[in-house]
């Protein structure tokens, strides 16, 4: 068992990682939350794989389990699905001493955390990520949200889990596409502050290193979240590649998955940083090559005007400005506050000469 603690000012919670952990999640959970009613929220892809194991462990530890299974995919990050989850909790007379557990990827984690945070003004919730992307990023830090027609993650709240339980065995059932989604967030962490992590993706064998990858990503994010729980300062660094990435997701009506979109977003800000003299050409080439080595795209067919328009409704915009993250080296990035009107030029700088119209 490896444990990383997210130490916030007013509370702390563990992120526990162990092969086969799903088979004893009930015992681990009972050490922090007295046995109670627990809603296990998952999707139609994950339920046949892991719901029975988790439910059996929870029941053995004394919990009363309510499974809630929703449709897979970004479409479930909606007010409609959120309402169904909250209504199910109310129908089963969940109280403030009860709990919700997110069993799945980032969509399920966001949905469950938002439901737990708003039902009865807050009940406990636990993250149990089953994707690499959720394990290295989405399950830690307390960001919860659903999407609006206007954009991604525009309705939500910061609501921290009581604990995160990660079973790397769950990664064995992921598609290559899902593994690449997670690679994008791990590579992002390497560029931000962990050159050794970046090296695994640049030169090593990530598939043989998932336990180390998850631990390194969680440790870095835990440090950032502890310093800035609600993203007023240093936590903005974690948005590397995300502003343009979210625009790409929205432009594709979410046909392009989060990790793939973030990969493109990182490629854009990498090329822009190099063009502006903030990042060496050699390092920019290394970042782009590493993204491609891990099956991530570095270009999009969406035009500059489309992406620019969608960045204007990004949740990170503040008045007439937005903070963008630009790499200066492997393990070193800068936050730069720019006017929203300057985003178009940043995107244009990131297109790449071979793809310019």
Protein backbone atom coordinates (compact mmCIF):
# COMPACT_ATOMS: atom_id res chain seq x y z
CA UNK A 1 0.00 0.00 0.00
CA UNK A 2 1.30 3.44 -0.94
CA UNK A 3 -0.41 6.48 0.59
CA UNK A 4 -0.10 10.15 -0.30
CA UNK A 5 -1.79 12.68 1.99
CA UNK A 6 -3.55 15.76 0.64
CA UNK A 7 -3.02 18.12 3.57
CA UNK A 8 -5.44 21.04 3.43
CA UNK A 9 -5.60 23.79 6.04
CA UNK A 10 -8.78 22.52 7.66
CA UNK A 11 -8.63 18.82 6.83
CA UNK A 12 -6.55 16.10 5.22
CA UNK A 13 -7.37 12.97 3.28
CA UNK A 14 -5.38 9.99 2.02
CA UNK A 15 -4.90 8.80 -1.54
CA UNK A 16 -4.30 5.06 -1.23
CA UNK A 17 -2.83 2.98 -4.07
CA UNK A 18 -2.55 -0.81 -4.10
CA UNK A 19 -3.04 -3.67 -6.54
CA UNK A 20 -6.41 -5.34 -5.90
CA UNK A 21 -7.49 -2.63 -3.47
CA UNK A 22 -11.11 -2.83 -4.70
CA UNK A 23 -11.46 -6.17 -2.90
CA UNK A 24 -10.90 -4.55 0.51
CA UNK A 25 -12.19 -1.05 -0.10
CA UNK A 26 -14.95 -1.56 2.47
CA UNK A 27 -12.49 -2.19 5.29
CA UNK A 28 -10.41 0.84 4.34
CA UNK A 29 -13.47 3.05 4.05
CA UNK A 30 -14.85 1.90 7.41
CA UNK A 31 -11.67 3.18 9.07
CA UNK A 32 -12.67 6.74 8.13
CA UNK A 33 -16.45 6.62 7.74
CA UNK A 34 -18.76 4.65 10.03
CA UNK A 35 -20.76 2.06 8.08
CA UNK A 36 -23.81 3.76 6.61
CA UNK A 37 -25.81 3.94 3.41
CA UNK A 38 -23.45 4.39 0.48
CA UNK A 39 -24.38 5.13 -3.12
CA UNK A 40 -21.93 3.63 -5.58
CA UNK A 41 -22.20 5.77 -8.69
CA UNK A 42 -20.72 4.26 -11.83
CA UNK A 43 -21.42 3.91 -15.54
CA UNK A 44 -22.58 1.14 -17.85
CA UNK A 45 -19.02 0.34 -18.96
CA UNK A 46 -17.48 0.07 -15.50
CA UNK A 47 -20.39 -1.62 -13.70
CA UNK A 48 -19.96 -5.07 -15.31
CA UNK A 49 -16.24 -5.00 -14.53
CA UNK A 50 -15.93 -3.79 -10.96
CA UNK A 51 -19.26 -2.99 -9.32
CA UNK A 52 -19.77 -6.50 -7.89
CA UNK A 53 -16.30 -6.54 -6.29
CA UNK A 54 -16.77 -3.13 -4.71
CA UNK A 55 -20.32 -3.84 -3.57
CA UNK A 56 -19.29 -7.14 -1.94
CA UNK A 57 -16.44 -5.50 -0.03
CA UNK A 58 -18.64 -2.63 1.17
CA UNK A 59 -21.42 -4.95 2.33
CA UNK A 60 -18.94 -7.16 4.16
CA UNK A 61 -17.73 -4.07 6.05
CA UNK A 62 -21.29 -3.23 7.11
CA UNK A 63 -22.35 -0.66 4.49
CA UNK A 64 -25.78 -0.64 2.87
CA UNK A 65 -25.15 -0.21 -0.85
CA UNK A 66 -27.24 1.65 -3.42
CA UNK A 67 -25.83 1.16 -6.94
CA UNK A 68 -26.57 4.00 -9.37
CA UNK A 69 -25.54 3.26 -12.95
CA UNK A 70 -25.54 6.04 -15.55
CA UNK A 71 -24.70 6.20 -19.25
CA UNK A 72 -20.99 6.35 -20.08
CA UNK A 73 -19.36 9.41 -21.56
CA UNK A 74 -19.31 13.18 -21.30
CA UNK A 75 -23.07 13.35 -21.86
CA UNK A 76 -23.61 12.25 -18.26
CA UNK A 77 -21.94 15.43 -17.00
CA UNK A 78 -25.28 17.21 -17.23
CA UNK A 79 -27.92 18.67 -14.96
CA UNK A 80 -30.28 15.95 -16.15
CA UNK A 81 -28.05 13.15 -14.89
CA UNK A 82 -27.16 15.11 -11.77
CA UNK A 83 -30.87 15.42 -10.96
CA UNK A 84 -31.39 11.68 -11.39
CA UNK A 85 -28.55 10.93 -8.97
CA UNK A 86 -29.75 13.40 -6.35
CA UNK A 87 -33.36 12.19 -6.68
CA UNK A 88 -32.16 8.62 -6.17
CA UNK A 89 -30.41 9.63 -2.95
CA UNK A 90 -33.54 11.39 -1.74
CA UNK A 91 -35.77 8.44 -2.67
CA UNK A 92 -33.62 6.17 -0.50
CA UNK A 93 -33.72 8.73 2.34
CA UNK A 94 -29.98 9.35 2.47
CA UNK A 95 -29.03 11.62 5.36
CA UNK A 96 -25.98 13.74 6.11
CA UNK A 97 -24.29 10.76 7.76
CA UNK A 98 -24.43 8.78 4.50
CA UNK A 99 -21.96 8.69 1.64
CA UNK A 100 -21.46 8.52 -2.13
CA UNK A 101 -18.64 6.68 -3.88
CA UNK A 102 -17.48 7.47 -7.42
CA UNK A 103 -16.45 4.29 -9.22
CA UNK A 104 -15.18 5.23 -12.66
CA UNK A 105 -13.32 7.86 -14.61
CA UNK A 106 -13.31 11.64 -14.52
CA UNK A 107 -16.92 12.05 -15.61
CA UNK A 108 -18.18 9.85 -12.77
CA UNK A 109 -15.90 11.56 -10.27
CA UNK A 110 -17.10 15.03 -11.28
CA UNK A 111 -20.75 13.98 -11.27
CA UNK A 112 -20.56 12.17 -7.93
CA UNK A 113 -18.65 14.95 -6.20
CA UNK A 114 -21.12 17.58 -7.40
CA UNK A 115 -24.09 15.45 -6.32
CA UNK A 116 -22.55 14.81 -2.89
CA UNK A 117 -21.68 18.47 -2.45
CA UNK A 118 -25.15 19.80 -3.19
CA UNK A 119 -27.36 17.04 -1.72
CA UNK A 120 -28.44 18.16 1.78
CA UNK A 121 -25.74 20.85 1.34
CA UNK A 122 -23.08 18.18 1.56
CA UNK A 123 -22.61 14.49 2.33
CA UNK A 124 -19.35 12.56 2.37
CA UNK A 125 -17.96 11.18 -0.84
CA UNK A 126 -15.10 8.92 -1.87
CA UNK A 127 -13.22 8.70 -5.16
CA UNK A 128 -12.37 5.29 -6.61
CA UNK A 129 -10.84 5.98 -10.02
CA UNK A 130 -10.78 3.24 -12.66
CA UNK A 131 -9.01 5.16 -15.45
CA UNK A 132 -5.45 6.40 -15.65
CA UNK A 133 -6.66 9.96 -16.22
CA UNK A 134 -8.80 9.91 -13.08
CA UNK A 135 -6.07 8.22 -11.04
CA UNK A 136 -3.35 10.72 -11.93
CA UNK A 137 -5.47 13.85 -11.90
CA UNK A 138 -9.26 14.08 -11.76
CA UNK A 139 -9.85 12.13 -8.53
CA UNK A 140 -7.59 14.39 -6.45
CA UNK A 141 -8.24 18.00 -5.56
CA UNK A 142 -11.98 18.37 -5.12
CA UNK A 143 -13.00 19.87 -8.45
CA UNK A 144 -16.52 18.79 -9.35
CA UNK A 145 -18.69 19.97 -12.23
CA UNK A 146 -21.19 19.37 -14.99
CA UNK A 147 -21.16 20.89 -18.46
CA UNK A 148 -23.46 23.58 -19.83
CA UNK A 149 -24.42 24.18 -23.45
CA UNK A 150 -22.08 27.18 -23.37
CA UNK A 151 -19.02 25.22 -22.29
CA UNK A 152 -17.29 22.55 -20.23
CA UNK A 153 -17.37 22.45 -16.42
CA UNK A 154 -19.22 25.76 -16.12
CA UNK A 155 -21.38 24.60 -13.19
CA UNK A 156 -19.69 23.03 -10.21
CA UNK A 157 -18.01 23.48 -6.87
CA UNK A 158 -14.86 22.64 -4.95
CA UNK A 159 -15.73 19.71 -2.71
CA UNK A 160 -12.99 17.47 -1.35
CA UNK A 161 -13.42 13.69 -1.00
CA UNK A 162 -12.92 11.91 2.30
CA UNK A 163 -10.41 9.60 0.64
CA UNK A 164 -9.25 8.33 -2.75
CA UNK A 165 -8.85 4.59 -3.29
CA UNK A 166 -6.89 3.63 -6.38
CA UNK A 167 -6.55 0.07 -7.67
CA UNK A 168 -4.05 -0.01 -10.57
CA UNK A 169 -5.41 -3.41 -11.62
CA UNK A 170 -8.39 -1.54 -13.06
CA UNK A 171 -6.12 -0.05 -15.73
CA UNK A 172 -5.78 -3.50 -17.34
CA UNK A 173 -9.21 -3.20 -18.94
CA UNK A 174 -8.63 0.23 -20.50
CA UNK A 175 -8.41 0.79 -24.23
CA UNK A 176 -5.28 2.29 -25.77
CA UNK A 177 -7.28 5.48 -26.33
CA UNK A 178 -8.10 5.76 -22.61
CA UNK A 179 -4.48 5.07 -21.67
CA UNK A 180 -3.42 7.93 -23.96
CA UNK A 181 -5.96 10.22 -22.25
CA UNK A 182 -4.27 9.53 -18.92
CA UNK A 183 -0.83 9.93 -20.45
CA UNK A 184 -1.71 13.51 -21.38
CA UNK A 185 -2.32 14.49 -17.76
CA UNK A 186 0.79 12.64 -16.58
CA UNK A 187 2.96 14.29 -19.23
CA UNK A 188 1.44 17.61 -18.16
CA UNK A 189 2.59 16.95 -14.60
CA UNK A 190 6.06 16.10 -15.83
CA UNK A 191 6.31 19.35 -17.78
CA UNK A 192 5.06 21.31 -14.76
CA UNK A 193 7.37 19.95 -12.14
CA UNK A 194 8.74 16.42 -12.47
CA UNK A 195 11.48 15.79 -15.04
CA UNK A 196 11.79 12.13 -13.98
CA UNK A 197 8.11 11.57 -14.66
CA UNK A 198 8.47 13.22 -18.06
CA UNK A 199 11.42 10.93 -18.80
CA UNK A 200 9.23 7.84 -18.30
CA UNK A 201 7.00 9.07 -21.12
CA UNK A 202 9.84 10.40 -23.27
CA UNK A 203 12.19 7.40 -23.07
CA UNK A 204 10.75 4.68 -20.84
CA UNK A 205 7.92 2.15 -20.74
CA UNK A 206 4.89 3.77 -19.07
CA UNK A 207 2.95 0.49 -19.04
CA UNK A 208 5.58 -0.96 -16.69
CA UNK A 209 5.52 2.09 -14.44
CA UNK A 210 1.88 2.90 -13.67
CA UNK A 211 2.27 2.62 -9.90
CA UNK A 212 5.17 5.10 -9.98
CA UNK A 213 3.37 7.37 -12.47
CA UNK A 214 0.25 7.56 -10.33
CA UNK A 215 2.23 8.15 -7.14
CA UNK A 216 4.31 10.93 -8.70
CA UNK A 217 1.28 12.67 -10.19
CA UNK A 218 -0.71 12.47 -6.97
CA UNK A 219 2.21 13.72 -4.88
CA UNK A 220 2.68 16.75 -7.15
CA UNK A 221 -1.02 17.57 -7.28
CA UNK A 222 -1.43 17.07 -3.52
CA UNK A 223 1.28 19.68 -2.91
CA UNK A 224 -0.38 22.17 -5.27
CA UNK A 225 -3.90 21.60 -3.92
CA UNK A 226 -2.73 21.96 -0.32
CA UNK A 227 -1.19 25.33 -1.18
CA UNK A 228 -4.20 26.57 -3.18
CA UNK A 229 -7.39 24.53 -2.65
CA UNK A 230 -9.71 26.78 -4.68
CA UNK A 231 -7.45 27.85 -7.56
CA UNK A 232 -6.68 31.46 -6.76
CA UNK A 233 -2.94 31.23 -7.41
CA UNK A 234 -0.48 28.37 -7.96
CA UNK A 235 -3.20 25.78 -8.70
CA UNK A 236 -3.77 27.54 -12.02
CA UNK A 237 -0.57 25.82 -13.18
CA UNK A 238 -2.55 22.57 -13.42
CA UNK A 239 -4.44 24.10 -16.36
CA UNK A 240 -1.46 23.65 -18.69
CA UNK A 241 -3.02 22.84 -22.08
CA UNK A 242 -6.56 23.00 -20.73
CA UNK A 243 -7.89 26.32 -22.01
CA UNK A 244 -7.32 25.41 -25.65
CA UNK A 245 -8.06 21.77 -24.82
CA UNK A 246 -11.49 22.58 -23.45
CA UNK A 247 -12.22 24.67 -26.55
CA UNK A 248 -11.33 21.68 -28.73
CA UNK A 249 -13.57 19.38 -26.69
CA UNK A 250 -16.47 21.79 -27.02
CA UNK A 251 -15.88 22.41 -30.73
CA UNK A 252 -16.02 18.65 -31.35
CA UNK A 253 -19.16 18.30 -29.23
CA UNK A 254 -16.94 16.12 -26.99
CA UNK A 255 -16.15 13.65 -29.76
CA UNK A 256 -12.51 14.44 -28.97
CA UNK A 257 -11.83 13.12 -25.47
CA UNK A 258 -10.41 15.21 -22.67
CA UNK A 259 -6.88 13.81 -22.66
CA UNK A 260 -6.52 13.99 -26.42
CA UNK A 261 -7.78 17.58 -26.40
CA UNK A 262 -5.40 18.53 -23.58
CA UNK A 263 -2.56 16.95 -25.56
CA UNK A 264 -3.35 19.24 -28.48
CA UNK A 265 -3.66 22.18 -26.09
CA UNK A 266 -0.21 21.45 -24.66
CA UNK A 267 1.21 21.24 -28.17
CA UNK A 268 -0.26 24.65 -28.99
CA UNK A 269 1.14 26.40 -25.91
CA UNK A 270 4.48 24.63 -26.43
CA UNK A 271 4.79 25.97 -29.98
CA UNK A 272 3.58 29.40 -28.84
CA UNK A 273 6.14 29.51 -26.00
CA UNK A 274 8.92 28.57 -28.40
CA UNK A 275 7.84 31.19 -30.93
CA UNK A 276 7.83 33.82 -28.19
CA UNK A 277 11.31 32.89 -27.01
CA UNK A 278 10.22 31.44 -23.65
CA UNK A 279 11.12 27.85 -24.51
CA UNK A 280 14.05 26.49 -26.49
CA UNK A 281 13.29 24.96 -29.88
CA UNK A 282 14.96 21.69 -28.82
CA UNK A 283 12.80 21.38 -25.69
CA UNK A 284 9.67 22.19 -27.68
CA UNK A 285 10.55 19.40 -30.10
CA UNK A 286 11.05 17.02 -27.16
CA UNK A 287 7.61 17.82 -25.75
CA UNK A 288 5.88 17.42 -29.12
CA UNK A 289 7.71 14.16 -29.81
CA UNK A 290 6.79 12.81 -26.38
CA UNK A 291 3.12 13.57 -26.94
CA UNK A 292 3.22 11.76 -30.28
CA UNK A 293 5.22 8.85 -28.80
CA UNK A 294 2.30 8.31 -26.41
CA UNK A 295 -0.38 8.31 -29.12
CA UNK A 296 -1.54 11.88 -28.55
CA UNK A 297 -2.38 14.32 -31.36
CA UNK A 298 -0.58 17.65 -31.61
CA UNK A 299 -2.82 19.41 -34.16
CA UNK A 300 -6.53 20.04 -34.65
CA UNK A 301 -8.61 20.79 -37.73
CA UNK A 302 -10.59 23.46 -35.89
CA UNK A 303 -9.72 26.95 -37.07
CA UNK A 304 -8.28 29.75 -34.97
CA UNK A 305 -11.52 31.77 -34.87
CA UNK A 306 -13.54 28.81 -33.59
CA UNK A 307 -11.08 28.06 -30.81
CA UNK A 308 -10.72 31.73 -29.90
CA UNK A 309 -14.49 32.17 -29.55
CA UNK A 310 -14.75 29.17 -27.25
CA UNK A 311 -11.92 30.30 -24.98
CA UNK A 312 -13.95 33.44 -24.26
CA UNK A 313 -16.41 31.34 -22.20
CA UNK A 314 -13.76 29.27 -20.44
CA UNK A 315 -14.44 29.11 -16.70
CA UNK A 316 -10.90 30.33 -16.02
CA UNK A 317 -11.63 33.72 -17.61
CA UNK A 318 -11.74 36.55 -15.08
CA UNK A 319 -13.37 39.68 -16.44
CA UNK A 320 -11.53 40.63 -19.62
CA UNK A 321 -8.45 38.51 -18.88
CA UNK A 322 -7.39 34.90 -18.51
CA UNK A 323 -4.31 33.20 -17.07
CA UNK A 324 -2.49 30.93 -19.50
CA UNK A 325 0.27 28.47 -18.65
CA UNK A 326 3.38 28.45 -20.84
CA UNK A 327 6.28 25.97 -20.54
CA UNK A 328 9.78 27.33 -20.05
CA UNK A 329 11.48 23.95 -19.69
CA UNK A 330 10.86 20.38 -18.56
CA UNK A 331 9.75 20.83 -14.95
CA UNK A 332 9.23 24.57 -15.21
CA UNK A 333 6.22 26.58 -16.41
CA UNK A 334 5.01 30.14 -15.98
CA UNK A 335 1.59 31.68 -15.41
CA UNK A 336 0.88 34.64 -17.66
CA UNK A 337 -2.22 36.79 -17.37
CA UNK A 338 -3.32 38.05 -20.77
CA UNK A 339 -6.33 39.92 -22.13
CA UNK A 340 -8.97 37.69 -23.67
CA UNK A 341 -8.43 39.61 -26.88
CA UNK A 342 -4.86 38.29 -26.93
CA UNK A 343 -5.92 34.64 -26.93
CA UNK A 344 -6.39 34.62 -30.69
CA UNK A 345 -2.74 35.49 -31.25
CA UNK A 346 -1.60 32.90 -28.72
CA UNK A 347 -3.61 30.24 -30.54
CA UNK A 348 -2.23 31.43 -33.87
CA UNK A 349 1.32 31.22 -32.50
CA UNK A 350 0.62 27.64 -31.48
CA UNK A 351 -0.71 26.33 -34.78
CA UNK A 352 2.69 25.41 -36.22
CA UNK A 353 4.13 26.54 -39.51
CA UNK A 354 3.18 23.42 -41.43
CA UNK A 355 -0.48 23.83 -40.49
CA UNK A 356 -0.92 27.54 -41.09
CA UNK A 357 -3.60 28.45 -43.66
